[in-house]
Amino acid sequence: MKISEVDILILPGLGNSGPGHWQRRWAERFSTGRVVEQDDWDNPDLRDWTASIVEAVEAADQPVVLVAHSLAVSALVHAAARLPQGKVRGAFLVSPPDHEGAPVPRAAASFGNVPLDPLPFPSLLVASTNDPLVSPRRAADMATGWGSELHFAGEAGHINVAPGHGPGRRGC
């Protein structure tokens, strides 16, 4: 499958992916990429975020590949059963937070109780071995539950701009 044959929907996490974030750069780089905007990036509501994801997938003109980071991974997993069957060809899940065991921001409290059922599409979960929001063991549990392939990116923090995943050598 070629990039031109799918709509790449970028799903940023809490606070949105600002300038220099790998997700923003991917959205600009891929001709069929676009960011799924949320009404409130700083005070997220699970129902609103999942509804935005479902609407974006339904509105896509082509098959969809989802690229989710952090809190958006939680939202996507909550929304997965409501997505049109067969429309999502795959998902790239980066740095999912552990709502049950890590210090997840209070604003994200409604996103807890993330299902661990198999996702209805292929997925790759990428996690860091020193992410403050998810342990390697918990990331592996999530990958197993979701049926995702798992890749550890080494000591990469939360895989955002803060630990060096902006433009340049370590960026995407």
N, C-alpha and C. Protein backbone atom coordinates (compact mmCIF):
# COMPACT_ATOMS: atom_id res chain seq x y z
N MET A 1 0.85 -1.17 0.00
CA MET A 1 0.00 0.00 0.00
C MET A 1 0.90 1.24 0.00
N LYS A 2 0.57 2.21 -0.83
CA LYS A 2 1.32 3.45 -0.94
C LYS A 2 0.67 4.52 -0.06
N ILE A 3 1.48 5.48 0.37
CA ILE A 3 0.95 6.58 1.18
C ILE A 3 -0.19 7.29 0.45
N SER A 4 -0.07 7.43 -0.86
CA SER A 4 -1.10 8.13 -1.63
C SER A 4 -2.43 7.37 -1.66
N GLU A 5 -2.43 6.11 -1.24
CA GLU A 5 -3.63 5.28 -1.28
C GLU A 5 -4.38 5.22 0.05
N VAL A 6 -3.90 5.96 1.05
CA VAL A 6 -4.55 5.97 2.36
C VAL A 6 -4.62 7.40 2.90
N ASP A 7 -5.59 7.65 3.75
CA ASP A 7 -5.64 8.89 4.50
C ASP A 7 -4.93 8.62 5.83
N ILE A 8 -3.94 9.42 6.11
CA ILE A 8 -3.17 9.27 7.35
C ILE A 8 -3.72 10.27 8.34
N LEU A 9 -4.38 9.77 9.36
CA LEU A 9 -4.98 10.63 10.36
C LEU A 9 -4.08 10.67 11.59
N ILE A 10 -3.58 11.85 11.89
CA ILE A 10 -2.66 12.07 13.00
C ILE A 10 -3.49 12.46 14.23
N LEU A 11 -3.28 11.73 15.33
CA LEU A 11 -4.04 11.94 16.56
C LEU A 11 -3.09 12.39 17.67
N PRO A 12 -2.94 13.70 17.90
CA PRO A 12 -2.06 14.19 18.97
C PRO A 12 -2.66 13.93 20.35
N GLY A 13 -1.80 13.98 21.35
CA GLY A 13 -2.22 13.77 22.73
C GLY A 13 -2.56 15.06 23.46
N LEU A 14 -2.58 14.97 24.76
CA LEU A 14 -2.92 16.09 25.64
C LEU A 14 -2.10 17.31 25.29
N GLY A 15 -2.76 18.45 25.16
CA GLY A 15 -2.07 19.70 24.87
C GLY A 15 -1.77 19.91 23.39
N ASN A 16 -2.03 18.91 22.56
CA ASN A 16 -1.77 18.96 21.13
C ASN A 16 -0.27 18.80 20.87
N SER A 17 0.08 18.43 19.70
CA SER A 17 1.48 18.32 19.30
C SER A 17 1.89 19.65 18.70
N GLY A 18 2.70 20.37 19.43
CA GLY A 18 3.09 21.70 19.00
C GLY A 18 4.16 21.70 17.93
N PRO A 19 4.66 22.89 17.62
CA PRO A 19 5.70 23.03 16.59
C PRO A 19 6.91 22.14 16.89
N GLY A 20 7.41 21.51 15.87
CA GLY A 20 8.57 20.64 16.03
C GLY A 20 8.26 19.21 16.43
N HIS A 21 7.04 18.95 16.88
CA HIS A 21 6.68 17.59 17.26
C HIS A 21 6.66 16.72 16.01
N TRP A 22 7.11 15.48 16.15
CA TRP A 22 7.18 14.57 15.00
C TRP A 22 5.83 14.40 14.33
N GLN A 23 4.72 14.44 15.08
CA GLN A 23 3.41 14.27 14.45
C GLN A 23 3.08 15.44 13.52
N ARG A 24 3.37 16.65 13.93
CA ARG A 24 3.11 17.81 13.08
C ARG A 24 3.95 17.74 11.81
N ARG A 25 5.19 17.35 11.95
CA ARG A 25 6.06 17.25 10.78
C ARG A 25 5.57 16.16 9.84
N TRP A 26 5.08 15.03 10.37
CA TRP A 26 4.54 13.97 9.52
C TRP A 26 3.30 14.48 8.78
N ALA A 27 2.43 15.22 9.47
CA ALA A 27 1.22 15.73 8.83
C ALA A 27 1.58 16.65 7.66
N GLU A 28 2.64 17.42 7.82
CA GLU A 28 3.09 18.31 6.75
C GLU A 28 3.78 17.54 5.63
N ARG A 29 4.49 16.48 5.98
CA ARG A 29 5.30 15.74 5.01
C ARG A 29 4.46 14.81 4.13
N PHE A 30 3.43 14.19 4.69
CA PHE A 30 2.63 13.22 3.95
C PHE A 30 1.50 13.94 3.22
N SER A 31 1.41 13.72 1.93
CA SER A 31 0.39 14.41 1.13
C SER A 31 -1.03 14.08 1.57
N THR A 32 -1.23 12.92 2.13
CA THR A 32 -2.58 12.53 2.57
C THR A 32 -2.72 12.59 4.09
N GLY A 33 -1.76 13.22 4.75
CA GLY A 33 -1.79 13.31 6.21
C GLY A 33 -2.51 14.55 6.68
N ARG A 34 -3.24 14.40 7.77
CA ARG A 34 -3.87 15.55 8.41
C ARG A 34 -4.08 15.27 9.89
N VAL A 35 -4.05 16.32 10.66
CA VAL A 35 -4.25 16.22 12.10
C VAL A 35 -5.75 16.24 12.39
N VAL A 36 -6.19 15.31 13.23
CA VAL A 36 -7.57 15.32 13.70
C VAL A 36 -7.60 16.29 14.89
N GLU A 37 -8.25 17.41 14.69
CA GLU A 37 -8.30 18.46 15.72
C GLU A 37 -9.35 18.12 16.78
N GLN A 38 -9.05 18.51 18.00
CA GLN A 38 -9.98 18.35 19.11
C GLN A 38 -10.45 19.72 19.56
N ASP A 39 -11.66 19.80 20.12
CA ASP A 39 -12.19 21.09 20.57
C ASP A 39 -11.40 21.64 21.76
N ASP A 40 -10.94 20.77 22.62
CA ASP A 40 -10.21 21.23 23.81
C ASP A 40 -9.03 20.30 24.06
N TRP A 41 -7.85 20.80 23.73
CA TRP A 41 -6.63 20.00 23.88
C TRP A 41 -6.16 19.91 25.32
N ASP A 42 -6.51 20.90 26.14
CA ASP A 42 -5.97 20.96 27.50
C ASP A 42 -6.91 20.43 28.57
N ASN A 43 -8.19 20.36 28.28
CA ASN A 43 -9.18 19.79 29.19
C ASN A 43 -9.99 18.75 28.42
N PRO A 44 -9.34 17.63 28.10
CA PRO A 44 -9.97 16.66 27.21
C PRO A 44 -11.15 15.94 27.84
N ASP A 45 -12.10 15.63 26.98
CA ASP A 45 -13.26 14.84 27.38
C ASP A 45 -13.26 13.58 26.50
N LEU A 46 -13.28 12.43 27.11
CA LEU A 46 -13.20 11.18 26.37
C LEU A 46 -14.27 11.07 25.30
N ARG A 47 -15.50 11.44 25.63
CA ARG A 47 -16.59 11.33 24.64
C ARG A 47 -16.33 12.23 23.43
N ASP A 48 -15.86 13.45 23.69
CA ASP A 48 -15.58 14.37 22.58
C ASP A 48 -14.43 13.86 21.72
N TRP A 49 -13.36 13.41 22.37
CA TRP A 49 -12.19 12.95 21.61
C TRP A 49 -12.52 11.71 20.79
N THR A 50 -13.22 10.75 21.37
CA THR A 50 -13.55 9.54 20.60
C THR A 50 -14.51 9.88 19.46
N ALA A 51 -15.45 10.79 19.70
CA ALA A 51 -16.37 11.19 18.64
C ALA A 51 -15.61 11.84 17.48
N SER A 52 -14.61 12.66 17.79
CA SER A 52 -13.81 13.30 16.73
C SER A 52 -13.06 12.27 15.91
N ILE A 53 -12.54 11.25 16.58
CA ILE A 53 -11.81 10.19 15.87
C ILE A 53 -12.76 9.41 14.96
N VAL A 54 -13.90 9.01 15.50
CA VAL A 54 -14.88 8.26 14.70
C VAL A 54 -15.33 9.08 13.50
N GLU A 55 -15.64 10.35 13.71
CA GLU A 55 -16.09 11.22 12.61
C GLU A 55 -15.01 11.37 11.54
N ALA A 56 -13.76 11.52 11.95
CA ALA A 56 -12.67 11.68 10.99
C ALA A 56 -12.49 10.42 10.15
N VAL A 57 -12.58 9.26 10.78
CA VAL A 57 -12.45 8.01 10.03
C VAL A 57 -13.62 7.85 9.07
N GLU A 58 -14.83 8.12 9.55
CA GLU A 58 -16.01 8.00 8.68
C GLU A 58 -15.93 8.96 7.49
N ALA A 59 -15.36 10.14 7.68
CA ALA A 59 -15.30 11.15 6.63
C ALA A 59 -14.14 10.94 5.65
N ALA A 60 -13.23 10.07 5.98
CA ALA A 60 -12.07 9.84 5.11
C ALA A 60 -12.51 9.30 3.76
N ASP A 61 -11.84 9.77 2.71
CA ASP A 61 -12.17 9.34 1.35
C ASP A 61 -11.53 8.01 0.97
N GLN A 62 -10.47 7.65 1.67
CA GLN A 62 -9.71 6.44 1.36
C GLN A 62 -9.61 5.58 2.62
N PRO A 63 -9.04 4.39 2.49
CA PRO A 63 -8.74 3.63 3.71
C PRO A 63 -7.86 4.49 4.62
N VAL A 64 -7.84 4.18 5.90
CA VAL A 64 -7.20 5.04 6.90
C VAL A 64 -6.07 4.32 7.61
N VAL A 65 -5.00 5.08 7.87
CA VAL A 65 -3.94 4.68 8.80
C VAL A 65 -3.94 5.72 9.90
N LEU A 66 -4.00 5.28 11.15
CA LEU A 66 -4.05 6.16 12.30
C LEU A 66 -2.67 6.25 12.95
N VAL A 67 -2.28 7.46 13.34
CA VAL A 67 -0.99 7.69 14.00
C VAL A 67 -1.29 8.43 15.30
N ALA A 68 -1.31 7.69 16.41
CA ALA A 68 -1.71 8.26 17.69
C ALA A 68 -0.53 8.35 18.66
N HIS A 69 -0.52 9.43 19.43
CA HIS A 69 0.52 9.64 20.44
C HIS A 69 -0.14 9.87 21.80
N SER A 70 0.39 9.23 22.81
CA SER A 70 0.06 9.47 24.21
C SER A 70 -1.44 9.33 24.47
N LEU A 71 -2.08 10.38 24.99
CA LEU A 71 -3.49 10.28 25.37
C LEU A 71 -4.38 9.91 24.19
N ALA A 72 -3.96 10.27 22.98
CA ALA A 72 -4.75 9.90 21.80
C ALA A 72 -4.76 8.39 21.58
N VAL A 73 -3.73 7.68 22.05
CA VAL A 73 -3.75 6.22 21.97
C VAL A 73 -4.91 5.70 22.82
N SER A 74 -5.03 6.24 24.03
CA SER A 74 -6.14 5.83 24.91
C SER A 74 -7.48 6.12 24.26
N ALA A 75 -7.63 7.31 23.68
CA ALA A 75 -8.88 7.67 23.01
C ALA A 75 -9.17 6.74 21.85
N LEU A 76 -8.15 6.45 21.06
CA LEU A 76 -8.32 5.55 19.91
C LEU A 76 -8.77 4.17 20.35
N VAL A 77 -8.15 3.64 21.38
CA VAL A 77 -8.52 2.30 21.84
C VAL A 77 -9.97 2.30 22.35
N HIS A 78 -10.37 3.36 23.04
CA HIS A 78 -11.76 3.47 23.47
C HIS A 78 -12.71 3.54 22.27
N ALA A 79 -12.28 4.20 21.18
CA ALA A 79 -13.13 4.38 20.01
C ALA A 79 -13.10 3.22 19.03
N ALA A 80 -12.15 2.34 19.15
CA ALA A 80 -11.88 1.30 18.14
C ALA A 80 -13.13 0.50 17.73
N ALA A 81 -13.93 0.10 18.67
CA ALA A 81 -15.11 -0.73 18.34
C ALA A 81 -16.16 0.06 17.57
N ARG A 82 -16.10 1.39 17.62
CA ARG A 82 -17.09 2.22 16.91
C ARG A 82 -16.64 2.65 15.52
N LEU A 83 -15.42 2.31 15.14
CA LEU A 83 -14.91 2.70 13.83
C LEU A 83 -15.52 1.82 12.75
N PRO A 84 -15.74 2.38 11.56
CA PRO A 84 -16.32 1.58 10.48
C PRO A 84 -15.46 0.35 10.19
N GLN A 85 -16.09 -0.80 10.18
CA GLN A 85 -15.39 -2.06 9.99
C GLN A 85 -14.65 -2.07 8.66
N GLY A 86 -13.36 -2.41 8.70
CA GLY A 86 -12.54 -2.55 7.51
C GLY A 86 -11.96 -1.26 6.96
N LYS A 87 -12.36 -0.10 7.49
CA LYS A 87 -11.86 1.16 6.94
C LYS A 87 -10.45 1.49 7.43
N VAL A 88 -10.14 1.09 8.67
CA VAL A 88 -8.81 1.34 9.23
C VAL A 88 -7.90 0.19 8.84
N ARG A 89 -6.84 0.51 8.12
CA ARG A 89 -5.91 -0.51 7.66
C ARG A 89 -4.78 -0.76 8.64
N GLY A 90 -4.59 0.17 9.58
CA GLY A 90 -3.55 -0.02 10.58
C GLY A 90 -3.40 1.20 11.45
N ALA A 91 -2.68 1.01 12.57
CA ALA A 91 -2.45 2.10 13.51
C ALA A 91 -1.03 2.04 14.04
N PHE A 92 -0.45 3.21 14.21
CA PHE A 92 0.87 3.41 14.77
C PHE A 92 0.63 4.07 16.12
N LEU A 93 0.85 3.33 17.20
CA LEU A 93 0.52 3.77 18.55
C LEU A 93 1.82 4.09 19.29
N VAL A 94 2.00 5.34 19.69
CA VAL A 94 3.26 5.77 20.29
C VAL A 94 3.04 6.29 21.71
N SER A 95 3.81 5.76 22.64
CA SER A 95 3.81 6.21 24.04
C SER A 95 2.45 6.23 24.70
N PRO A 96 1.74 5.10 24.74
CA PRO A 96 0.44 5.10 25.41
C PRO A 96 0.62 5.29 26.91
N PRO A 97 -0.16 6.15 27.54
CA PRO A 97 -0.02 6.32 28.99
C PRO A 97 -0.68 5.18 29.75
N ASP A 98 -0.14 4.89 30.92
CA ASP A 98 -0.70 3.87 31.81
C ASP A 98 -1.59 4.57 32.82
N HIS A 99 -2.87 4.60 32.55
CA HIS A 99 -3.82 5.29 33.44
C HIS A 99 -3.97 4.61 34.78
N GLU A 100 -3.57 3.36 34.85
CA GLU A 100 -3.76 2.60 36.09
C GLU A 100 -2.54 2.67 37.02
N GLY A 101 -1.35 2.95 36.48
CA GLY A 101 -0.18 2.85 37.34
C GLY A 101 0.82 3.98 37.27
N ALA A 102 0.68 4.89 36.32
CA ALA A 102 1.65 5.98 36.18
C ALA A 102 0.97 7.31 36.55
N PRO A 103 1.77 8.33 36.81
CA PRO A 103 1.19 9.63 37.17
C PRO A 103 0.66 10.38 35.96
N VAL A 104 -0.49 9.96 35.46
CA VAL A 104 -1.12 10.59 34.29
C VAL A 104 -1.77 11.89 34.76
N PRO A 105 -1.67 12.97 33.98
CA PRO A 105 -2.27 14.25 34.39
C PRO A 105 -3.76 14.13 34.73
N ARG A 106 -4.18 14.89 35.73
CA ARG A 106 -5.57 14.87 36.20
C ARG A 106 -6.55 15.12 35.05
N ALA A 107 -6.18 15.97 34.11
CA ALA A 107 -7.07 16.29 32.98
C ALA A 107 -7.42 15.05 32.16
N ALA A 108 -6.61 14.02 32.26
CA ALA A 108 -6.82 12.80 31.47
C ALA A 108 -7.56 11.71 32.24
N ALA A 109 -8.08 12.02 33.40
CA ALA A 109 -8.69 11.01 34.27
C ALA A 109 -9.84 10.25 33.59
N SER A 110 -10.64 10.92 32.77
CA SER A 110 -11.79 10.25 32.15
C SER A 110 -11.38 9.23 31.10
N PHE A 111 -10.11 9.20 30.73
CA PHE A 111 -9.63 8.29 29.70
C PHE A 111 -9.21 6.94 30.27
N GLY A 112 -9.29 6.77 31.58
CA GLY A 112 -8.87 5.54 32.23
C GLY A 112 -9.73 4.35 31.83
N ASN A 113 -9.44 3.23 32.45
CA ASN A 113 -10.12 1.97 32.14
C ASN A 113 -10.02 1.65 30.65
N VAL A 114 -8.82 1.82 30.11
CA VAL A 114 -8.59 1.58 28.69
C VAL A 114 -8.79 0.09 28.40
N PRO A 115 -9.63 -0.24 27.43
CA PRO A 115 -9.84 -1.65 27.10
C PRO A 115 -8.53 -2.33 26.67
N LEU A 116 -8.42 -3.58 26.98
CA LEU A 116 -7.28 -4.38 26.55
C LEU A 116 -7.72 -5.48 25.60
N ASP A 117 -8.81 -5.24 24.89
CA ASP A 117 -9.31 -6.18 23.90
C ASP A 117 -8.53 -6.02 22.60
N PRO A 118 -8.44 -7.08 21.80
CA PRO A 118 -7.75 -6.96 20.51
C PRO A 118 -8.38 -5.87 19.64
N LEU A 119 -7.52 -5.08 19.02
CA LEU A 119 -7.99 -4.04 18.10
C LEU A 119 -8.46 -4.70 16.80
N PRO A 120 -9.44 -4.10 16.13
CA PRO A 120 -9.97 -4.70 14.90
C PRO A 120 -9.15 -4.34 13.65
N PHE A 121 -7.89 -3.97 13.84
CA PHE A 121 -6.99 -3.62 12.74
C PHE A 121 -5.57 -3.87 13.21
N PRO A 122 -4.64 -4.07 12.29
CA PRO A 122 -3.23 -4.27 12.68
C PRO A 122 -2.68 -3.01 13.33
N SER A 123 -1.75 -3.21 14.26
CA SER A 123 -1.16 -2.05 14.92
C SER A 123 0.26 -2.34 15.38
N LEU A 124 1.01 -1.26 15.49
CA LEU A 124 2.37 -1.29 16.02
C LEU A 124 2.42 -0.34 17.19
N LEU A 125 2.81 -0.83 18.35
CA LEU A 125 2.96 -0.01 19.54
C LEU A 125 4.45 0.27 19.72
N VAL A 126 4.80 1.55 19.80
CA VAL A 126 6.18 1.97 20.02
C VAL A 126 6.24 2.61 21.40
N ALA A 127 7.14 2.11 22.23
CA ALA A 127 7.28 2.62 23.59
C ALA A 127 8.75 2.81 23.93
N SER A 128 8.97 3.65 24.89
CA SER A 128 10.31 3.93 25.38
C SER A 128 10.56 3.10 26.64
N THR A 129 11.80 2.80 26.91
CA THR A 129 12.12 2.06 28.13
C THR A 129 12.22 2.96 29.35
N ASN A 130 12.15 4.28 29.15
CA ASN A 130 12.19 5.20 30.30
C ASN A 130 11.09 6.26 30.22
N ASP A 131 9.96 5.91 29.65
CA ASP A 131 8.82 6.83 29.57
C ASP A 131 8.23 7.00 30.97
N PRO A 132 8.09 8.24 31.46
CA PRO A 132 7.52 8.43 32.80
C PRO A 132 6.04 8.08 32.89
N LEU A 133 5.37 7.90 31.74
CA LEU A 133 3.93 7.62 31.76
C LEU A 133 3.57 6.17 31.50
N VAL A 134 4.57 5.33 31.19
CA VAL A 134 4.27 3.90 31.02
C VAL A 134 5.56 3.09 31.19
N SER A 135 5.47 2.03 31.94
CA SER A 135 6.62 1.15 32.12
C SER A 135 6.72 0.21 30.92
N PRO A 136 7.91 -0.32 30.67
CA PRO A 136 8.03 -1.30 29.59
C PRO A 136 7.10 -2.50 29.78
N ARG A 137 6.95 -2.95 31.01
CA ARG A 137 6.07 -4.10 31.28
C ARG A 137 4.62 -3.77 30.94
N ARG A 138 4.17 -2.59 31.33
CA ARG A 138 2.78 -2.21 31.04
C ARG A 138 2.57 -2.01 29.54
N ALA A 139 3.56 -1.42 28.86
CA ALA A 139 3.47 -1.27 27.40
C ALA A 139 3.36 -2.64 26.74
N ALA A 140 4.11 -3.61 27.24
CA ALA A 140 4.05 -4.97 26.69
C ALA A 140 2.67 -5.59 26.95
N ASP A 141 2.10 -5.34 28.13
CA ASP A 141 0.76 -5.85 28.43
C ASP A 141 -0.28 -5.25 27.48
N MET A 142 -0.15 -3.93 27.22
CA MET A 142 -1.08 -3.28 26.30
C MET A 142 -0.94 -3.89 24.90
N ALA A 143 0.28 -4.03 24.45
CA ALA A 143 0.51 -4.59 23.11
C ALA A 143 -0.09 -5.99 23.00
N THR A 144 0.10 -6.79 24.02
CA THR A 144 -0.44 -8.15 24.01
C THR A 144 -1.97 -8.11 23.95
N GLY A 145 -2.58 -7.30 24.80
CA GLY A 145 -4.05 -7.21 24.83
C GLY A 145 -4.62 -6.72 23.51
N TRP A 146 -3.97 -5.71 22.92
CA TRP A 146 -4.48 -5.12 21.67
C TRP A 146 -4.10 -5.92 20.44
N GLY A 147 -3.22 -6.92 20.60
CA GLY A 147 -2.76 -7.68 19.45
C GLY A 147 -1.78 -6.89 18.60
N SER A 148 -1.10 -5.94 19.23
CA SER A 148 -0.16 -5.06 18.53
C SER A 148 1.24 -5.65 18.51
N GLU A 149 1.94 -5.39 17.43
CA GLU A 149 3.38 -5.67 17.41
C GLU A 149 4.01 -4.62 18.33
N LEU A 150 5.05 -5.00 19.07
CA LEU A 150 5.67 -4.09 20.03
C LEU A 150 7.10 -3.79 19.63
N HIS A 151 7.46 -2.52 19.68
CA HIS A 151 8.84 -2.09 19.43
C HIS A 151 9.26 -1.14 20.54
N PHE A 152 10.38 -1.45 21.20
CA PHE A 152 10.94 -0.54 22.20
C PHE A 152 11.96 0.34 21.52
N ALA A 153 11.82 1.65 21.70
CA ALA A 153 12.67 2.65 21.06
C ALA A 153 13.85 3.04 21.94
N GLY A 154 14.17 2.22 22.92
CA GLY A 154 15.27 2.54 23.82
C GLY A 154 14.86 3.62 24.81
N GLU A 155 15.85 4.30 25.37
CA GLU A 155 15.59 5.37 26.34
C GLU A 155 15.23 6.63 25.58
N ALA A 156 13.96 6.77 25.27
CA ALA A 156 13.48 7.87 24.43
C ALA A 156 12.46 8.76 25.13
N GLY A 157 12.35 8.62 26.46
CA GLY A 157 11.39 9.44 27.20
C GLY A 157 9.97 9.20 26.70
N HIS A 158 9.21 10.27 26.59
CA HIS A 158 7.81 10.16 26.16
C HIS A 158 7.68 10.30 24.63
N ILE A 159 8.79 10.21 23.94
CA ILE A 159 8.84 10.26 22.47
C ILE A 159 8.10 11.50 21.95
N ASN A 160 8.54 12.63 22.46
CA ASN A 160 8.03 13.92 22.00
C ASN A 160 9.20 14.90 21.91
N VAL A 161 8.94 16.16 21.78
CA VAL A 161 10.00 17.14 21.59
C VAL A 161 10.91 17.23 22.81
N ALA A 162 10.37 17.11 24.03
CA ALA A 162 11.15 17.30 25.25
C ALA A 162 12.42 16.44 25.32
N PRO A 163 12.36 15.13 25.04
CA PRO A 163 13.59 14.34 25.10
C PRO A 163 14.41 14.32 23.80
N GLY A 164 14.10 15.21 22.88
CA GLY A 164 14.91 15.33 21.68
C GLY A 164 14.33 14.75 20.41
N HIS A 165 13.02 14.52 20.37
CA HIS A 165 12.41 13.96 19.17
C HIS A 165 11.78 15.06 18.31
N GLY A 166 12.54 16.12 18.14
CA GLY A 166 12.15 17.21 17.25
C GLY A 166 12.99 17.11 15.99
N PRO A 167 13.02 18.19 15.22
CA PRO A 167 13.81 18.18 13.99
C PRO A 167 15.28 17.89 14.30
N GLY A 168 15.91 17.13 13.45
CA GLY A 168 17.31 16.83 13.65
C GLY A 168 17.56 15.35 13.72
N ARG A 169 18.72 15.00 14.25
CA ARG A 169 19.18 13.62 14.25
C ARG A 169 18.20 12.63 14.89
N ARG A 170 17.64 12.95 16.06
CA ARG A 170 16.75 12.01 16.74
C ARG A 170 15.29 12.19 16.36
N GLY A 171 14.99 13.22 15.60
CA GLY A 171 13.60 13.47 15.22
C GLY A 171 13.17 12.52 14.11
N CYS A 172 11.91 12.58 13.83
CA CYS A 172 11.33 11.71 12.80
C CYS A 172 11.04 12.51 11.56
